[in-house]
Amino acid sequence: MSVKQLSQKDFEKSFEYAPRVALNILVKNSKGEILLTKRAIEPERGSWHYPGGFILKGETLNKCFERISSKELGVKLDFKKTKLLGAFENIEGDARGHILDLIYEYKFSKNIILSLTKETSEIKFFKKLPTKIGFSQRSILNKLGFK
């Protein structure tokens, strides 16, 4: 089965029929800081968020992880070095609709040089969470122990 990405119109319409599953990457460095990117696209333009995206039809978790890390961070991270932290329901925290967020932790001990991509205007590690975080991610990060 080949991977299929919907048109923007069909993607937005799909939320009317079923929840969407998003794969999210929580990158932590050796200091315990987490990496967030500033969204340059709608919805939530200008908000900080952890890298993530929706799983495409026919796409494995591994391929989705590689696609998202390459697209949002400019580097292909290894899915085998992740740990599933949990699944979080987001029924009302996203204007598009019901989302099931899968959060995968990725730790690394050395500094990775992350190159900016078209969709991220800024990438930064945080010890404390910034004020403006998009969607319901502050709530999820709080549940995972980040304040």
Protein backbone atom coordinates (compact mmCIF):
# COMPACT_ATOMS: atom_id res chain seq x y z
CA MET A 1 0.00 0.00 0.00
CA SER A 2 1.40 3.41 -0.89
CA VAL A 3 1.32 6.34 1.49
CA LYS A 4 -1.37 8.86 0.65
CA GLN A 5 -1.60 12.46 1.77
CA LEU A 6 -4.97 14.20 1.53
CA SER A 7 -5.53 17.57 -0.05
CA GLN A 8 -5.87 20.36 2.53
CA LYS A 9 -9.64 20.49 1.91
CA ASP A 10 -10.07 16.71 2.36
CA PHE A 11 -7.75 16.73 5.40
CA GLU A 12 -9.87 19.37 7.15
CA LYS A 13 -13.09 17.55 6.16
CA SER A 14 -11.79 14.25 7.60
CA PHE A 15 -12.11 15.63 11.16
CA GLU A 16 -15.89 15.61 10.72
CA TYR A 17 -15.93 11.82 10.41
CA ALA A 18 -13.30 10.39 12.74
CA PRO A 19 -10.50 11.26 15.17
CA ARG A 20 -7.06 11.77 13.63
CA VAL A 21 -3.91 10.14 15.06
CA ALA A 22 -0.87 12.39 15.49
CA LEU A 23 2.69 11.24 16.16
CA ASN A 24 4.57 13.76 18.30
CA ILE A 25 8.26 13.88 19.16
CA LEU A 26 9.40 15.00 22.60
CA VAL A 27 13.13 15.60 22.18
CA LYS A 28 15.07 15.82 25.44
CA ASN A 29 18.70 16.72 25.86
CA SER A 30 21.09 15.59 28.61
CA LYS A 31 20.09 18.62 30.76
CA GLY A 32 16.44 17.51 30.78
CA GLU A 33 15.40 20.38 28.55
CA ILE A 34 12.78 19.81 25.85
CA LEU A 35 12.88 20.97 22.28
CA LEU A 36 10.01 23.05 20.95
CA THR A 37 9.53 24.66 17.56
CA LYS A 38 7.65 27.84 16.78
CA ARG A 39 4.85 27.26 14.29
CA ALA A 40 5.10 29.28 11.11
CA ILE A 41 1.82 27.91 9.71
CA GLU A 42 -1.82 27.91 10.79
CA PRO A 43 -3.42 26.83 12.98
CA GLU A 44 -1.66 28.27 16.03
CA ARG A 45 0.92 30.24 14.03
CA GLY A 46 3.50 31.77 16.40
CA SER A 47 2.90 29.26 19.20
CA TRP A 48 5.55 26.89 20.49
CA HIS A 49 4.90 23.18 20.11
CA TYR A 50 6.69 19.87 20.05
CA PRO A 51 7.35 18.53 16.55
CA GLY A 52 4.54 16.35 15.30
CA GLY A 53 2.17 15.50 12.55
CA PHE A 54 -0.58 13.19 11.45
CA ILE A 55 0.04 9.60 10.43
CA LEU A 56 -0.78 9.13 6.76
CA LYS A 57 -2.78 6.23 5.37
CA GLY A 58 -0.36 3.38 4.61
CA GLU A 59 2.48 4.97 6.60
CA THR A 60 4.26 3.03 9.36
CA LEU A 61 5.07 4.69 12.69
CA ASN A 62 8.77 4.44 11.78
CA LYS A 63 8.31 6.21 8.43
CA CYS A 64 6.03 8.83 9.98
CA PHE A 65 8.64 9.55 12.68
CA GLU A 66 11.37 9.91 10.03
CA ARG A 67 9.17 12.19 7.88
CA ILE A 68 8.24 14.46 10.78
CA SER A 69 11.77 14.73 12.20
CA SER A 70 13.19 15.49 8.74
CA LYS A 71 10.48 18.01 7.86
CA GLU A 72 10.27 19.85 11.18
CA LEU A 73 13.82 19.51 12.52
CA GLY A 74 15.91 19.11 9.39
CA VAL A 75 17.44 15.85 10.63
CA LYS A 76 16.19 12.26 10.34
CA LEU A 77 16.00 10.85 13.88
CA ASP A 78 16.08 7.10 14.55
CA PHE A 79 12.67 5.77 15.66
CA LYS A 80 14.41 2.83 17.40
CA LYS A 81 15.79 5.32 19.94
CA THR A 82 12.34 6.38 21.11
CA LYS A 83 10.12 5.44 23.99
CA LEU A 84 6.33 5.77 23.87
CA LEU A 85 5.35 8.07 26.74
CA GLY A 86 1.64 7.73 26.19
CA ALA A 87 -1.49 8.38 24.20
CA PHE A 88 -3.47 11.52 25.01
CA GLU A 89 -6.97 12.36 23.83
CA ASN A 90 -7.44 15.88 22.58
CA ILE A 91 -11.16 16.27 21.98
CA GLU A 92 -11.55 20.05 22.33
CA GLY A 93 -8.00 21.48 22.38
CA ASP A 94 -7.64 21.74 18.61
CA ALA A 95 -10.04 23.75 16.46
CA ARG A 96 -9.77 21.13 13.71
CA GLY A 97 -11.35 18.38 15.83
CA HIS A 98 -10.72 15.23 17.87
CA ILE A 99 -7.07 14.11 17.89
CA LEU A 100 -5.30 11.18 19.52
CA ASP A 101 -1.75 12.30 20.32
CA LEU A 102 0.95 9.63 20.54
CA ILE A 103 3.96 11.10 22.35
CA TYR A 104 7.37 9.51 21.71
CA GLU A 105 10.39 10.59 23.71
CA TYR A 106 13.72 10.90 21.92
CA LYS A 107 16.83 11.41 24.07
CA PHE A 108 20.29 12.24 22.89
CA SER A 109 23.47 12.86 24.80
CA LYS A 110 25.37 15.04 22.37
CA ASN A 111 24.27 18.26 20.75
CA ILE A 112 22.59 17.71 17.39
CA ILE A 113 22.75 20.56 14.94
CA LEU A 114 19.19 21.14 13.84
CA SER A 115 18.67 23.01 10.60
CA LEU A 116 15.58 25.14 10.13
CA THR A 117 13.04 24.06 7.56
CA LYS A 118 10.32 25.87 5.64
CA GLU A 119 7.71 25.16 8.30
CA THR A 120 9.65 26.18 11.41
CA SER A 121 10.86 29.67 12.06
CA GLU A 122 12.57 28.85 15.33
CA ILE A 123 13.79 25.78 17.22
CA LYS A 124 14.82 26.00 20.88
CA PHE A 125 15.38 23.91 24.01
CA PHE A 126 13.44 24.96 27.12
CA LYS A 127 14.01 24.24 30.82
CA LYS A 128 10.68 25.93 31.70
CA LEU A 129 7.72 25.95 29.36
CA PRO A 130 7.17 29.17 27.40
CA THR A 131 3.96 31.13 27.83
CA LYS A 132 2.46 30.59 24.38
CA ILE A 133 2.12 26.87 23.64
CA GLY A 134 -0.26 25.71 20.93
CA PHE A 135 -3.19 23.33 21.00
CA SER A 136 -3.52 21.35 24.29
CA GLN A 137 0.20 20.66 24.50
CA ARG A 138 0.74 22.52 27.80
CA SER A 139 -1.72 20.16 29.48
CA ILE A 140 0.02 17.09 28.00
CA LEU A 141 3.48 18.39 28.93
CA ASN A 142 2.23 19.08 32.49
CA LYS A 143 0.96 15.50 32.74
CA LEU A 144 4.43 14.34 31.63
CA GLY A 145 6.06 16.37 34.41
CA PHE A 146 7.08 19.55 32.59
CA LYS A 147 6.09 22.89 34.10
